[in-house]
C-alpha cells in the first residue's frame, strides 16, 4: 500500500468511528430516558400496591369483625 491508500483508509476509519460515536451517544441518551421513565413507573406501581394492601387488610379486618359478631350473636341465642 502506498501513502495515498493508507491516508484514504485512515480517513474512512475516522469517519466510521465518528458515526459510531454519534450512534453510541444517541443510544446512551435514549437509555437514560428509559431509565427515568421506569423509575417513575416503579414509584407509581409501588404506591398502588401499598394502597391495594391497605384496602385488602381493611376488608379482611371488617370481615373478621362482622363474622365474629354474627357468630357471637348466633352462639348466644
N, C-alpha and C. Protein backbone atom coordinates (compact mmCIF):
# COMPACT_ATOMS: atom_id res chain seq x y z
N UNK A 1 0.85 -1.18 0.00
CA UNK A 1 0.00 0.00 0.00
C UNK A 1 0.90 1.24 0.00
N UNK A 2 0.47 2.20 -0.76
CA UNK A 2 1.23 3.44 -0.77
C UNK A 2 0.61 4.44 0.21
N UNK A 3 1.24 5.58 0.35
CA UNK A 3 0.82 6.57 1.34
C UNK A 3 -0.59 7.08 1.07
N UNK A 4 -0.94 7.26 -0.18
CA UNK A 4 -2.27 7.76 -0.52
C UNK A 4 -3.36 6.78 -0.08
N UNK A 5 -3.16 5.48 -0.33
CA UNK A 5 -4.13 4.47 0.08
C UNK A 5 -4.24 4.40 1.61
N UNK A 6 -3.12 4.52 2.27
CA UNK A 6 -3.12 4.48 3.74
C UNK A 6 -3.87 5.68 4.30
N UNK A 7 -3.62 6.84 3.74
CA UNK A 7 -4.33 8.04 4.20
C UNK A 7 -5.84 7.93 3.95
N UNK A 8 -6.21 7.39 2.81
CA UNK A 8 -7.61 7.20 2.49
C UNK A 8 -8.26 6.22 3.48
N UNK A 9 -7.55 5.13 3.76
CA UNK A 9 -8.05 4.14 4.71
C UNK A 9 -8.22 4.78 6.10
N UNK A 10 -7.27 5.56 6.53
CA UNK A 10 -7.36 6.22 7.83
C UNK A 10 -8.53 7.20 7.88
N UNK A 11 -8.73 7.93 6.80
CA UNK A 11 -9.86 8.86 6.75
C UNK A 11 -11.20 8.12 6.84
N UNK A 12 -11.31 7.01 6.13
CA UNK A 12 -12.53 6.21 6.17
C UNK A 12 -12.76 5.66 7.59
N UNK A 13 -11.70 5.19 8.21
CA UNK A 13 -11.83 4.66 9.56
C UNK A 13 -12.22 5.77 10.55
N UNK A 14 -11.69 6.95 10.36
CA UNK A 14 -12.04 8.08 11.21
C UNK A 14 -13.52 8.43 11.05
N UNK A 15 -14.01 8.42 9.83
CA UNK A 15 -15.43 8.70 9.59
C UNK A 15 -16.32 7.63 10.23
N UNK A 16 -15.92 6.37 10.09
CA UNK A 16 -16.69 5.28 10.71
C UNK A 16 -16.73 5.44 12.23
N UNK A 17 -15.60 5.74 12.82
CA UNK A 17 -15.54 5.90 14.27
C UNK A 17 -16.40 7.08 14.72
N UNK A 18 -16.41 8.14 13.96
CA UNK A 18 -17.24 9.30 14.29
C UNK A 18 -18.71 8.93 14.26
N UNK A 19 -19.13 8.22 13.22
CA UNK A 19 -20.53 7.78 13.14
C UNK A 19 -20.89 6.84 14.27
N UNK A 20 -20.00 5.93 14.61
CA UNK A 20 -20.26 5.01 15.71
C UNK A 20 -20.37 5.74 17.04
N UNK A 21 -19.54 6.73 17.25
CA UNK A 21 -19.61 7.51 18.49
C UNK A 21 -20.94 8.27 18.58
N UNK A 22 -21.39 8.81 17.45
CA UNK A 22 -22.67 9.52 17.44
C UNK A 22 -23.82 8.56 17.75
N UNK A 23 -23.80 7.37 17.17
CA UNK A 23 -24.83 6.38 17.45
C UNK A 23 -24.79 5.96 18.91
N UNK A 24 -23.59 5.76 19.42
CA UNK A 24 -23.44 5.36 20.81
C UNK A 24 -24.01 6.43 21.74
N UNK A 25 -23.72 7.67 21.47
CA UNK A 25 -24.23 8.77 22.30
C UNK A 25 -25.75 8.83 22.23
N UNK A 26 -26.30 8.64 21.05
CA UNK A 26 -27.75 8.65 20.88
C UNK A 26 -28.39 7.52 21.68
N UNK A 27 -27.83 6.33 21.60
CA UNK A 27 -28.36 5.20 22.35
C UNK A 27 -28.24 5.43 23.85
N UNK A 28 -27.16 6.04 24.27
CA UNK A 28 -26.96 6.32 25.68
C UNK A 28 -28.02 7.28 26.20
N UNK A 29 -28.34 8.31 25.42
CA UNK A 29 -29.38 9.27 25.82
C UNK A 29 -30.75 8.61 25.91
N UNK A 30 -31.06 7.75 24.95
CA UNK A 30 -32.35 7.05 24.97
C UNK A 30 -32.42 6.13 26.19
N UNK A 31 -31.32 5.47 26.50
CA UNK A 31 -31.28 4.58 27.66
C UNK A 31 -31.50 5.37 28.94
N UNK A 32 -30.93 6.55 29.05
CA UNK A 32 -31.13 7.38 30.23
C UNK A 32 -32.60 7.77 30.37
N UNK A 33 -33.24 8.13 29.26
CA UNK A 33 -34.66 8.49 29.29
C UNK A 33 -35.52 7.30 29.72
N UNK A 34 -35.21 6.13 29.21
CA UNK A 34 -35.96 4.93 29.57
C UNK A 34 -35.79 4.65 31.06
N UNK A 35 -34.57 4.81 31.55
CA UNK A 35 -34.30 4.56 32.97
C UNK A 35 -35.13 5.49 33.85
N UNK A 36 -35.24 6.76 33.46
CA UNK A 36 -36.04 7.72 34.23
C UNK A 36 -37.51 7.33 34.19
N UNK A 37 -38.00 6.94 33.03
CA UNK A 37 -39.40 6.52 32.90
C UNK A 37 -39.70 5.30 33.76
N UNK A 38 -38.80 4.34 33.78
CA UNK A 38 -39.01 3.12 34.57
C UNK A 38 -39.03 3.46 36.06
N UNK A 39 -38.16 4.36 36.50
CA UNK A 39 -38.15 4.76 37.91
C UNK A 39 -39.48 5.39 38.30
N UNK A 40 -40.01 6.25 37.47
CA UNK A 40 -41.29 6.89 37.80
C UNK A 40 -42.42 5.87 37.80
N UNK A 41 -42.40 4.93 36.86
CA UNK A 41 -43.43 3.89 36.83
C UNK A 41 -43.33 2.99 38.05
N UNK A 42 -42.11 2.67 38.47
CA UNK A 42 -41.95 1.83 39.65
C UNK A 42 -42.51 2.53 40.88
N UNK A 43 -42.33 3.84 40.97
CA UNK A 43 -42.88 4.59 42.09
C UNK A 43 -44.40 4.55 42.10
N UNK A 44 -45.00 4.70 40.94
CA UNK A 44 -46.46 4.65 40.85
C UNK A 44 -46.98 3.26 41.19
N UNK A 45 -46.32 2.23 40.69
CA UNK A 45 -46.75 0.86 40.95
C UNK A 45 -46.61 0.55 42.44
N UNK A 46 -45.51 1.00 43.06
CA UNK A 46 -45.32 0.77 44.49
C UNK A 46 -46.44 1.42 45.29
N UNK A 47 -46.82 2.64 44.93
CA UNK A 47 -47.90 3.34 45.62
C UNK A 47 -49.21 2.58 45.47
N UNK A 48 -49.51 2.14 44.26
CA UNK A 48 -50.75 1.38 44.03
C UNK A 48 -50.76 0.07 44.79
N UNK A 49 -49.63 -0.62 44.83
CA UNK A 49 -49.58 -1.88 45.57
C UNK A 49 -49.76 -1.65 47.07
N UNK A 50 -49.20 -0.57 47.60
CA UNK A 50 -49.40 -0.26 49.03
C UNK A 50 -50.86 0.03 49.32
N UNK A 51 -51.51 0.80 48.46
CA UNK A 51 -52.93 1.09 48.65
C UNK A 51 -53.76 -0.18 48.58
N UNK A 52 -53.42 -1.04 47.64
CA UNK A 52 -54.16 -2.30 47.49
C UNK A 52 -53.99 -3.16 48.75
N UNK A 53 -52.79 -3.21 49.31
CA UNK A 53 -52.56 -3.98 50.53
C UNK A 53 -53.36 -3.43 51.69
N UNK A 54 -53.38 -2.10 51.83
CA UNK A 54 -54.17 -1.49 52.90
C UNK A 54 -55.66 -1.79 52.72
N UNK A 55 -56.14 -1.71 51.50
CA UNK A 55 -57.55 -1.98 51.21
C UNK A 55 -57.90 -3.43 51.55
N UNK A 56 -57.05 -4.36 51.14
CA UNK A 56 -57.29 -5.78 51.41
C UNK A 56 -57.25 -6.04 52.92
N UNK A 57 -56.31 -5.43 53.62
CA UNK A 57 -56.22 -5.60 55.06
C UNK A 57 -57.44 -5.04 55.77
N UNK A 58 -57.91 -3.90 55.33
CA UNK A 58 -59.12 -3.29 55.92
C UNK A 58 -60.33 -4.19 55.70
N UNK A 59 -60.48 -4.69 54.49
CA UNK A 59 -61.62 -5.59 54.20
C UNK A 59 -61.53 -6.87 55.02
N UNK A 60 -60.33 -7.41 55.17
CA UNK A 60 -60.17 -8.63 55.97
C UNK A 60 -60.53 -8.37 57.43
N UNK A 61 -60.13 -7.21 57.95
CA UNK A 61 -60.46 -6.87 59.34
C UNK A 61 -61.97 -6.71 59.52
N UNK A 62 -62.60 -6.00 58.60
CA UNK A 62 -64.05 -5.80 58.68
C UNK A 62 -64.77 -7.14 58.59
N UNK A 63 -64.34 -7.99 57.69
CA UNK A 63 -64.95 -9.30 57.53
C UNK A 63 -64.80 -10.12 58.81
N UNK A 64 -63.62 -10.09 59.39
CA UNK A 64 -63.37 -10.83 60.62
C UNK A 64 -64.25 -10.32 61.76
N UNK A 65 -64.35 -9.00 61.91
CA UNK A 65 -65.14 -8.41 62.99
C UNK A 65 -66.61 -8.78 62.82
N UNK A 66 -67.16 -8.61 61.63
CA UNK A 66 -68.58 -8.91 61.42
C UNK A 66 -68.88 -10.40 61.54
N UNK A 67 -67.99 -11.25 61.04
CA UNK A 67 -68.24 -12.69 61.17
C UNK A 67 -68.14 -13.12 62.63
N UNK A 68 -67.21 -12.54 63.38
CA UNK A 68 -67.12 -12.84 64.81
C UNK A 68 -68.35 -12.35 65.54
N UNK A 69 -68.83 -11.17 65.20
CA UNK A 69 -70.02 -10.62 65.82
C UNK A 69 -71.25 -11.49 65.53
N UNK A 70 -71.39 -11.93 64.29
CA UNK A 70 -72.53 -12.77 63.91
C UNK A 70 -72.44 -14.12 64.61
N UNK A 71 -71.20 -14.68 64.68
CA UNK A 71 -71.04 -15.96 65.36
C UNK A 71 -71.33 -15.81 66.85
N UNK A 72 -70.98 -14.73 67.45
CA UNK A 72 -71.23 -14.50 68.87
C UNK A 72 -72.73 -14.35 69.13
N UNK A 73 -73.41 -13.62 68.21
CA UNK A 73 -74.86 -13.44 68.37
C UNK A 73 -75.57 -14.78 68.19
N UNK A 74 -75.17 -15.57 67.20
CA UNK A 74 -75.80 -16.86 66.95
C UNK A 74 -75.54 -17.82 68.11
N UNK A 75 -74.35 -17.75 68.67
CA UNK A 75 -74.00 -18.66 69.76
C UNK A 75 -74.70 -18.27 71.05
N UNK A 76 -75.04 -16.99 71.23
CA UNK A 76 -75.67 -16.53 72.46
C UNK A 76 -77.15 -16.86 72.49
N UNK A 77 -77.79 -17.02 71.35
CA UNK A 77 -79.23 -17.27 71.36
C UNK A 77 -79.59 -18.71 71.45
